[in-house]
Amino acid sequence: MKQYLLSTLLLIFFSSAAFGQKQQTLISGNVEHGGYGSPVVKLVTLNGTNAVMVGGRGGWIINHQLVIGGGGYGLASEVSTPNDSLMDFGYGGFTLEYIINSDGLLHLSVETMIGGGGLGQRNHDHVVGDVAQNDQFFLIEPGVHAELNVTSFFRVGAGVSYRLTNGINSWGLKDVDFSGYSANIIFKFGSF
């Protein structure tokens, strides 16, 4: 009976010592959370034509630095395909962003989007073309932006990104016709 009681006490002691240790985690200390939503305007070149894309992005901000989110953009300008139809072009995906010195009045943000999109065509009467004429593609778009803290909940930014597509092969158009630099204007609203 004494050995049973001694074994039980030792088991309780070592169990409590093991459970009393601090858990090891990838991100330690107090973690602060925030988030934002942002309309975005992109000035792009598609198939040799200057165009405007509009869309938005948003994300969960961890410790004022790391952002995990997503976004999407669509063509707002009229761009013609080689067969004189109008182009439909859009893309979206998962984003990772790192904010450098988030509390500074002027600071930098580095990001990458990984996702996909679609390319289609329609006639000039805005009737969507045949589904068989659509094309899907993979996309990666890294970028860098300078941001200005206007208020505690509003930031405005401008920067550049490079869109790299893979999988476009319709109407004589190739990936090289859609890969290229974008000038971006961003309006962020949220808790930073």
C-alpha atoms as a PDB file:
ATOM      1  CA  MET A   1       0.000   0.000   0.000  1.00  0.00           C
ATOM      2  CA  LYS A   2       2.859   2.410   0.830  1.00  0.00           C
ATOM      3  CA  GLN A   3       4.530   1.715  -2.543  1.00  0.00           C
ATOM      4  CA  TYR A   4       1.237   2.388  -4.346  1.00  0.00           C
ATOM      5  CA  LEU A   5       0.793   5.698  -2.504  1.00  0.00           C
ATOM      6  CA  LEU A   6       4.436   6.705  -3.140  1.00  0.00           C
ATOM      7  CA  SER A   7       4.124   5.837  -6.882  1.00  0.00           C
ATOM      8  CA  THR A   8       0.915   7.905  -7.177  1.00  0.00           C
ATOM      9  CA  LEU A   9       2.498  10.922  -5.447  1.00  0.00           C
ATOM     10  CA  LEU A  10       5.598  10.744  -7.698  1.00  0.00           C
ATOM     11  CA  LEU A  11       3.376  10.496 -10.807  1.00  0.00           C
ATOM     12  CA  ILE A  12       1.366  13.556  -9.711  1.00  0.00           C
ATOM     13  CA  PHE A  13       4.568  15.506  -8.932  1.00  0.00           C
ATOM     14  CA  PHE A  14       6.242  14.804 -12.287  1.00  0.00           C
ATOM     15  CA  SER A  15       2.989  15.380 -14.210  1.00  0.00           C
ATOM     16  CA  SER A  16       2.444  18.773 -12.589  1.00  0.00           C
ATOM     17  CA  ALA A  17       6.080  19.731 -13.261  1.00  0.00           C
ATOM     18  CA  ALA A  18       5.668  18.819 -16.946  1.00  0.00           C
ATOM     19  CA  PHE A  19       2.374  20.707 -17.290  1.00  0.00           C
ATOM     20  CA  GLY A  20       3.745  23.722 -15.440  1.00  0.00           C
ATOM     21  CA  GLN A  21       6.330  24.422 -18.137  1.00  0.00           C
ATOM     22  CA  LYS A  22       5.716  27.270 -20.580  1.00  0.00           C
ATOM     23  CA  GLN A  23       4.555  26.117 -23.973  1.00  0.00           C
ATOM     24  CA  GLN A  24       6.952  26.759 -26.846  1.00  0.00           C
ATOM     25  CA  THR A  25       5.393  28.493 -29.865  1.00  0.00           C
ATOM     26  CA  LEU A  26       6.509  29.940 -33.179  1.00  0.00           C
ATOM     27  CA  ILE A  27       5.320  33.432 -32.154  1.00  0.00           C
ATOM     28  CA  SER A  28       6.022  34.127 -28.492  1.00  0.00           C
ATOM     29  CA  GLY A  29       4.908  36.843 -26.103  1.00  0.00           C
ATOM     30  CA  ASN A  30       1.762  38.902 -26.426  1.00  0.00           C
ATOM     31  CA  VAL A  31       0.355  38.658 -29.924  1.00  0.00           C
ATOM     32  CA  GLU A  32      -1.582  41.682 -31.174  1.00  0.00           C
ATOM     33  CA  HIS A  33      -4.159  41.247 -33.926  1.00  0.00           C
ATOM     34  CA  GLY A  34      -5.716  43.617 -36.439  1.00  0.00           C
ATOM     35  CA  GLY A  35      -7.033  43.637 -39.944  1.00  0.00           C
ATOM     36  CA  TYR A  36      -7.823  45.818 -42.919  1.00  0.00           C
ATOM     37  CA  GLY A  37      -9.822  46.082 -46.123  1.00  0.00           C
ATOM     38  CA  SER A  38      -8.586  48.071 -49.088  1.00  0.00           C
ATOM     39  CA  PRO A  39      -9.877  49.233 -52.460  1.00  0.00           C
ATOM     40  CA  VAL A  40      -7.056  49.173 -55.014  1.00  0.00           C
ATOM     41  CA  VAL A  41      -6.544  50.817 -58.423  1.00  0.00           C
ATOM     42  CA  LYS A  42      -3.896  49.342 -60.750  1.00  0.00           C
ATOM     43  CA  LEU A  43      -2.476  50.987 -63.863  1.00  0.00           C
ATOM     44  CA  VAL A  44      -1.368  48.116 -66.114  1.00  0.00           C
ATOM     45  CA  THR A  45      -0.404  47.228 -69.668  1.00  0.00           C
ATOM     46  CA  LEU A  46      -2.292  44.310 -71.235  1.00  0.00           C
ATOM     47  CA  ASN A  47      -1.517  43.150 -74.762  1.00  0.00           C
ATOM     48  CA  GLY A  48       0.353  46.417 -75.379  1.00  0.00           C
ATOM     49  CA  THR A  49      -2.582  48.605 -74.255  1.00  0.00           C
ATOM     50  CA  ASN A  50      -2.553  50.798 -71.131  1.00  0.00           C
ATOM     51  CA  ALA A  51      -5.494  49.884 -68.911  1.00  0.00           C
ATOM     52  CA  VAL A  52      -7.007  50.284 -65.444  1.00  0.00           C
ATOM     53  CA  MET A  53      -7.859  47.418 -63.106  1.00  0.00           C
ATOM     54  CA  VAL A  54      -9.855  47.850 -59.910  1.00  0.00           C
ATOM     55  CA  GLY A  55     -10.401  45.535 -56.998  1.00  0.00           C
ATOM     56  CA  GLY A  56      -9.610  45.051 -53.390  1.00  0.00           C
ATOM     57  CA  ARG A  57      -7.666  43.145 -50.835  1.00  0.00           C
ATOM     58  CA  GLY A  58      -7.695  42.586 -47.128  1.00  0.00           C
ATOM     59  CA  GLY A  59      -6.049  40.607 -44.429  1.00  0.00           C
ATOM     60  CA  TRP A  60      -5.418  39.646 -40.839  1.00  0.00           C
ATOM     61  CA  ILE A  61      -2.516  41.622 -39.311  1.00  0.00           C
ATOM     62  CA  ILE A  62      -0.325  39.849 -36.740  1.00  0.00           C
ATOM     63  CA  ASN A  63       1.871  41.993 -34.448  1.00  0.00           C
ATOM     64  CA  HIS A  64       1.611  45.035 -36.765  1.00  0.00           C
ATOM     65  CA  GLN A  65       3.905  43.302 -39.310  1.00  0.00           C
ATOM     66  CA  LEU A  66       2.712  40.070 -40.914  1.00  0.00           C
ATOM     67  CA  VAL A  67      -0.487  40.098 -42.998  1.00  0.00           C
ATOM     68  CA  ILE A  68      -2.245  36.964 -44.228  1.00  0.00           C
ATOM     69  CA  GLY A  69      -5.075  37.672 -46.637  1.00  0.00           C
ATOM     70  CA  GLY A  70      -6.403  37.718 -50.151  1.00  0.00           C
ATOM     71  CA  GLY A  71      -7.467  39.958 -52.963  1.00  0.00           C
ATOM     72  CA  GLY A  72      -8.934  40.178 -56.424  1.00  0.00           C
ATOM     73  CA  TYR A  73      -8.885  42.536 -59.412  1.00  0.00           C
ATOM     74  CA  GLY A  74     -10.839  42.991 -62.625  1.00  0.00           C
ATOM     75  CA  LEU A  75     -10.317  44.957 -65.804  1.00  0.00           C
ATOM     76  CA  ALA A  76     -12.173  48.303 -65.781  1.00  0.00           C
ATOM     77  CA  SER A  77     -10.959  49.596 -69.164  1.00  0.00           C
ATOM     78  CA  GLU A  78     -11.946  48.442 -72.629  1.00  0.00           C
ATOM     79  CA  VAL A  79      -9.089  46.478 -74.182  1.00  0.00           C
ATOM     80  CA  SER A  80      -9.455  44.729 -77.555  1.00  0.00           C
ATOM     81  CA  THR A  81      -8.338  41.210 -78.408  1.00  0.00           C
ATOM     82  CA  PRO A  82      -6.564  40.533 -81.755  1.00  0.00           C
ATOM     83  CA  ASN A  83      -9.919  39.510 -83.302  1.00  0.00           C
ATOM     84  CA  ASP A  84     -11.438  42.916 -82.342  1.00  0.00           C
ATOM     85  CA  SER A  85     -13.566  41.646 -79.454  1.00  0.00           C
ATOM     86  CA  LEU A  86     -13.415  43.197 -75.988  1.00  0.00           C
ATOM     87  CA  MET A  87     -11.277  41.513 -73.368  1.00  0.00           C
ATOM     88  CA  ASP A  88     -12.465  40.288 -69.964  1.00  0.00           C
ATOM     89  CA  PHE A  89      -9.500  39.842 -67.613  1.00  0.00           C
ATOM     90  CA  GLY A  90      -9.363  39.302 -63.870  1.00  0.00           C
ATOM     91  CA  TYR A  91      -7.422  37.513 -61.174  1.00  0.00           C
ATOM     92  CA  GLY A  92      -7.213  36.943 -57.448  1.00  0.00           C
ATOM     93  CA  GLY A  93      -5.574  34.858 -54.805  1.00  0.00           C
ATOM     94  CA  PHE A  94      -3.835  34.440 -51.472  1.00  0.00           C
ATOM     95  CA  THR A  95      -1.563  37.239 -50.231  1.00  0.00           C
ATOM     96  CA  LEU A  96       1.311  37.444 -47.769  1.00  0.00           C
ATOM     97  CA  GLU A  97       2.532  40.889 -46.748  1.00  0.00           C
ATOM     98  CA  TYR A  98       5.262  42.168 -44.443  1.00  0.00           C
ATOM     99  CA  ILE A  99       4.963  45.742 -43.111  1.00  0.00           C
ATOM    100  CA  ILE A 100       8.241  47.440 -42.172  1.00  0.00           C
ATOM    101  CA  ASN A 101       7.934  49.964 -39.285  1.00  0.00           C
ATOM    102  CA  SER A 102       4.126  50.003 -39.288  1.00  0.00           C
ATOM    103  CA  ASP A 103       3.911  52.800 -36.684  1.00  0.00           C
ATOM    104  CA  GLY A 104       6.125  55.173 -38.696  1.00  0.00           C
ATOM    105  CA  LEU A 105       4.371  58.020 -40.508  1.00  0.00           C
ATOM    106  CA  LEU A 106       5.838  56.771 -43.808  1.00  0.00           C
ATOM    107  CA  HIS A 107       6.783  53.110 -44.097  1.00  0.00           C
ATOM    108  CA  LEU A 108       7.192  50.230 -46.568  1.00  0.00           C
ATOM    109  CA  SER A 109       5.146  47.141 -47.274  1.00  0.00           C
ATOM    110  CA  VAL A 110       6.399  44.085 -49.224  1.00  0.00           C
ATOM    111  CA  GLU A 111       3.845  41.580 -50.530  1.00  0.00           C
ATOM    112  CA  THR A 112       3.218  38.617 -52.816  1.00  0.00           C
ATOM    113  CA  MET A 113      -0.017  37.307 -54.302  1.00  0.00           C
ATOM    114  CA  ILE A 114      -0.299  33.720 -55.513  1.00  0.00           C
ATOM    115  CA  GLY A 115      -3.472  32.779 -57.324  1.00  0.00           C
ATOM    116  CA  GLY A 116      -5.191  32.448 -60.639  1.00  0.00           C
ATOM    117  CA  GLY A 117      -7.429  34.215 -63.063  1.00  0.00           C
ATOM    118  CA  GLY A 118      -9.419  34.147 -66.230  1.00  0.00           C
ATOM    119  CA  LEU A 119      -9.269  35.696 -69.680  1.00  0.00           C
ATOM    120  CA  GLY A 120     -12.352  35.956 -71.844  1.00  0.00           C
ATOM    121  CA  GLN A 121     -13.775  37.938 -74.704  1.00  0.00           C
ATOM    122  CA  ARG A 122     -17.114  39.527 -75.548  1.00  0.00           C
ATOM    123  CA  ASN A 123     -18.485  41.508 -78.446  1.00  0.00           C
ATOM    124  CA  HIS A 124     -18.810  45.292 -78.363  1.00  0.00           C
ATOM    125  CA  ASP A 125     -22.468  44.962 -77.280  1.00  0.00           C
ATOM    126  CA  HIS A 126     -21.144  43.594 -73.945  1.00  0.00           C
ATOM    127  CA  VAL A 127     -22.514  40.097 -74.551  1.00  0.00           C
ATOM    128  CA  VAL A 128     -20.221  37.539 -72.959  1.00  0.00           C
ATOM    129  CA  GLY A 129     -18.531  35.261 -75.468  1.00  0.00           C
ATOM    130  CA  ASP A 130     -18.757  31.486 -75.664  1.00  0.00           C
ATOM    131  CA  VAL A 131     -17.461  29.707 -72.527  1.00  0.00           C
ATOM    132  CA  ALA A 132     -15.158  27.597 -74.707  1.00  0.00           C
ATOM    133  CA  GLN A 133     -13.284  30.793 -75.604  1.00  0.00           C
ATOM    134  CA  ASN A 134     -12.238  31.504 -72.006  1.00  0.00           C
ATOM    135  CA  ASP A 135      -8.743  30.799 -70.697  1.00  0.00           C
ATOM    136  CA  GLN A 136      -7.535  30.234 -67.117  1.00  0.00           C
ATOM    137  CA  PHE A 137      -4.061  30.983 -65.821  1.00  0.00           C
ATOM    138  CA  PHE A 138      -1.805  30.787 -62.750  1.00  0.00           C
ATOM    139  CA  LEU A 139      -0.374  34.031 -61.377  1.00  0.00           C
ATOM    140  CA  ILE A 140       2.273  35.253 -58.951  1.00  0.00           C
ATOM    141  CA  GLU A 141       2.588  38.991 -58.260  1.00  0.00           C
ATOM    142  CA  PRO A 142       5.246  40.369 -55.887  1.00  0.00           C
ATOM    143  CA  GLY A 143       5.190  44.071 -55.033  1.00  0.00           C
ATOM    144  CA  VAL A 144       6.459  46.863 -52.804  1.00  0.00           C
ATOM    145  CA  HIS A 145       4.523  49.919 -51.591  1.00  0.00           C
ATOM    146  CA  ALA A 146       5.206  53.088 -49.623  1.00  0.00           C
ATOM    147  CA  GLU A 147       2.387  53.850 -47.173  1.00  0.00           C
ATOM    148  CA  LEU A 148       1.402  56.998 -45.314  1.00  0.00           C
ATOM    149  CA  ASN A 149      -0.464  56.776 -41.980  1.00  0.00           C
ATOM    150  CA  VAL A 150      -3.221  59.390 -42.469  1.00  0.00           C
ATOM    151  CA  THR A 151      -5.185  58.495 -39.307  1.00  0.00           C
ATOM    152  CA  SER A 152      -5.070  55.582 -36.869  1.00  0.00           C
ATOM    153  CA  PHE A 153      -7.541  53.650 -39.062  1.00  0.00           C
ATOM    154  CA  PHE A 154      -6.692  54.922 -42.594  1.00  0.00           C
ATOM    155  CA  ARG A 155      -3.556  54.555 -44.706  1.00  0.00           C
ATOM    156  CA  VAL A 156      -2.871  55.466 -48.308  1.00  0.00           C
ATOM    157  CA  GLY A 157      -0.134  53.831 -50.344  1.00  0.00           C
ATOM    158  CA  ALA A 158       1.463  53.776 -53.757  1.00  0.00           C
ATOM    159  CA  GLY A 159       3.859  51.308 -55.270  1.00  0.00           C
ATOM    160  CA  VAL A 160       4.693  48.823 -57.986  1.00  0.00           C
ATOM    161  CA  SER A 161       4.148  45.128 -58.521  1.00  0.00           C
ATOM    162  CA  TYR A 162       5.120  42.654 -61.231  1.00  0.00           C
ATOM    163  CA  ARG A 163       2.427  40.312 -62.557  1.00  0.00           C
ATOM    164  CA  LEU A 164       3.746  36.983 -63.896  1.00  0.00           C
ATOM    165  CA  THR A 165       1.120  34.793 -65.613  1.00  0.00           C
ATOM    166  CA  ASN A 166       1.346  31.197 -66.775  1.00  0.00           C
ATOM    167  CA  GLY A 167      -1.220  29.405 -68.923  1.00  0.00           C
ATOM    168  CA  ILE A 168      -2.564  32.026 -71.356  1.00  0.00           C
ATOM    169  CA  ASN A 169      -2.804  30.743 -74.931  1.00  0.00           C
ATOM    170  CA  SER A 170      -5.905  32.133 -76.675  1.00  0.00           C
ATOM    171  CA  TRP A 171      -6.568  34.243 -79.805  1.00  0.00           C
ATOM    172  CA  GLY A 172      -2.846  34.491 -80.482  1.00  0.00           C
ATOM    173  CA  LEU A 173      -2.226  35.930 -76.996  1.00  0.00           C
ATOM    174  CA  LYS A 174       0.480  34.504 -74.734  1.00  0.00           C
ATOM    175  CA  ASP A 175       1.647  34.964 -71.125  1.00  0.00           C
ATOM    176  CA  VAL A 176       4.124  37.634 -72.212  1.00  0.00           C
ATOM    177  CA  ASP A 177       1.169  39.819 -73.309  1.00  0.00           C
ATOM    178  CA  PHE A 178      -0.185  39.865 -69.728  1.00  0.00           C
ATOM    179  CA  SER A 179       2.942  39.699 -67.577  1.00  0.00           C
ATOM    180  CA  GLY A 180       4.310  43.072 -66.575  1.00  0.00           C
ATOM    181  CA  TYR A 181       4.576  45.914 -64.094  1.00  0.00           C
ATOM    182  CA  SER A 182       1.632  47.618 -62.405  1.00  0.00           C
ATOM    183  CA  ALA A 183       1.500  50.990 -60.676  1.00  0.00           C
ATOM    184  CA  ASN A 184      -0.799  50.629 -57.663  1.00  0.00           C
ATOM    185  CA  ILE A 185      -2.758  53.035 -55.472  1.00  0.00           C
ATOM    186  CA  ILE A 186      -4.070  51.545 -52.201  1.00  0.00           C
ATOM    187  CA  PHE A 187      -6.517  52.893 -49.603  1.00  0.00           C
ATOM    188  CA  LYS A 188      -6.352  50.795 -46.404  1.00  0.00           C
ATOM    189  CA  PHE A 189      -9.063  50.979 -43.745  1.00  0.00           C
ATOM    190  CA  GLY A 190      -8.746  48.966 -40.549  1.00  0.00           C
ATOM    191  CA  SER A 191      -7.076  48.276 -37.245  1.00  0.00           C
ATOM    192  CA  PHE A 192      -3.337  48.313 -37.777  1.00  0.00           C
END
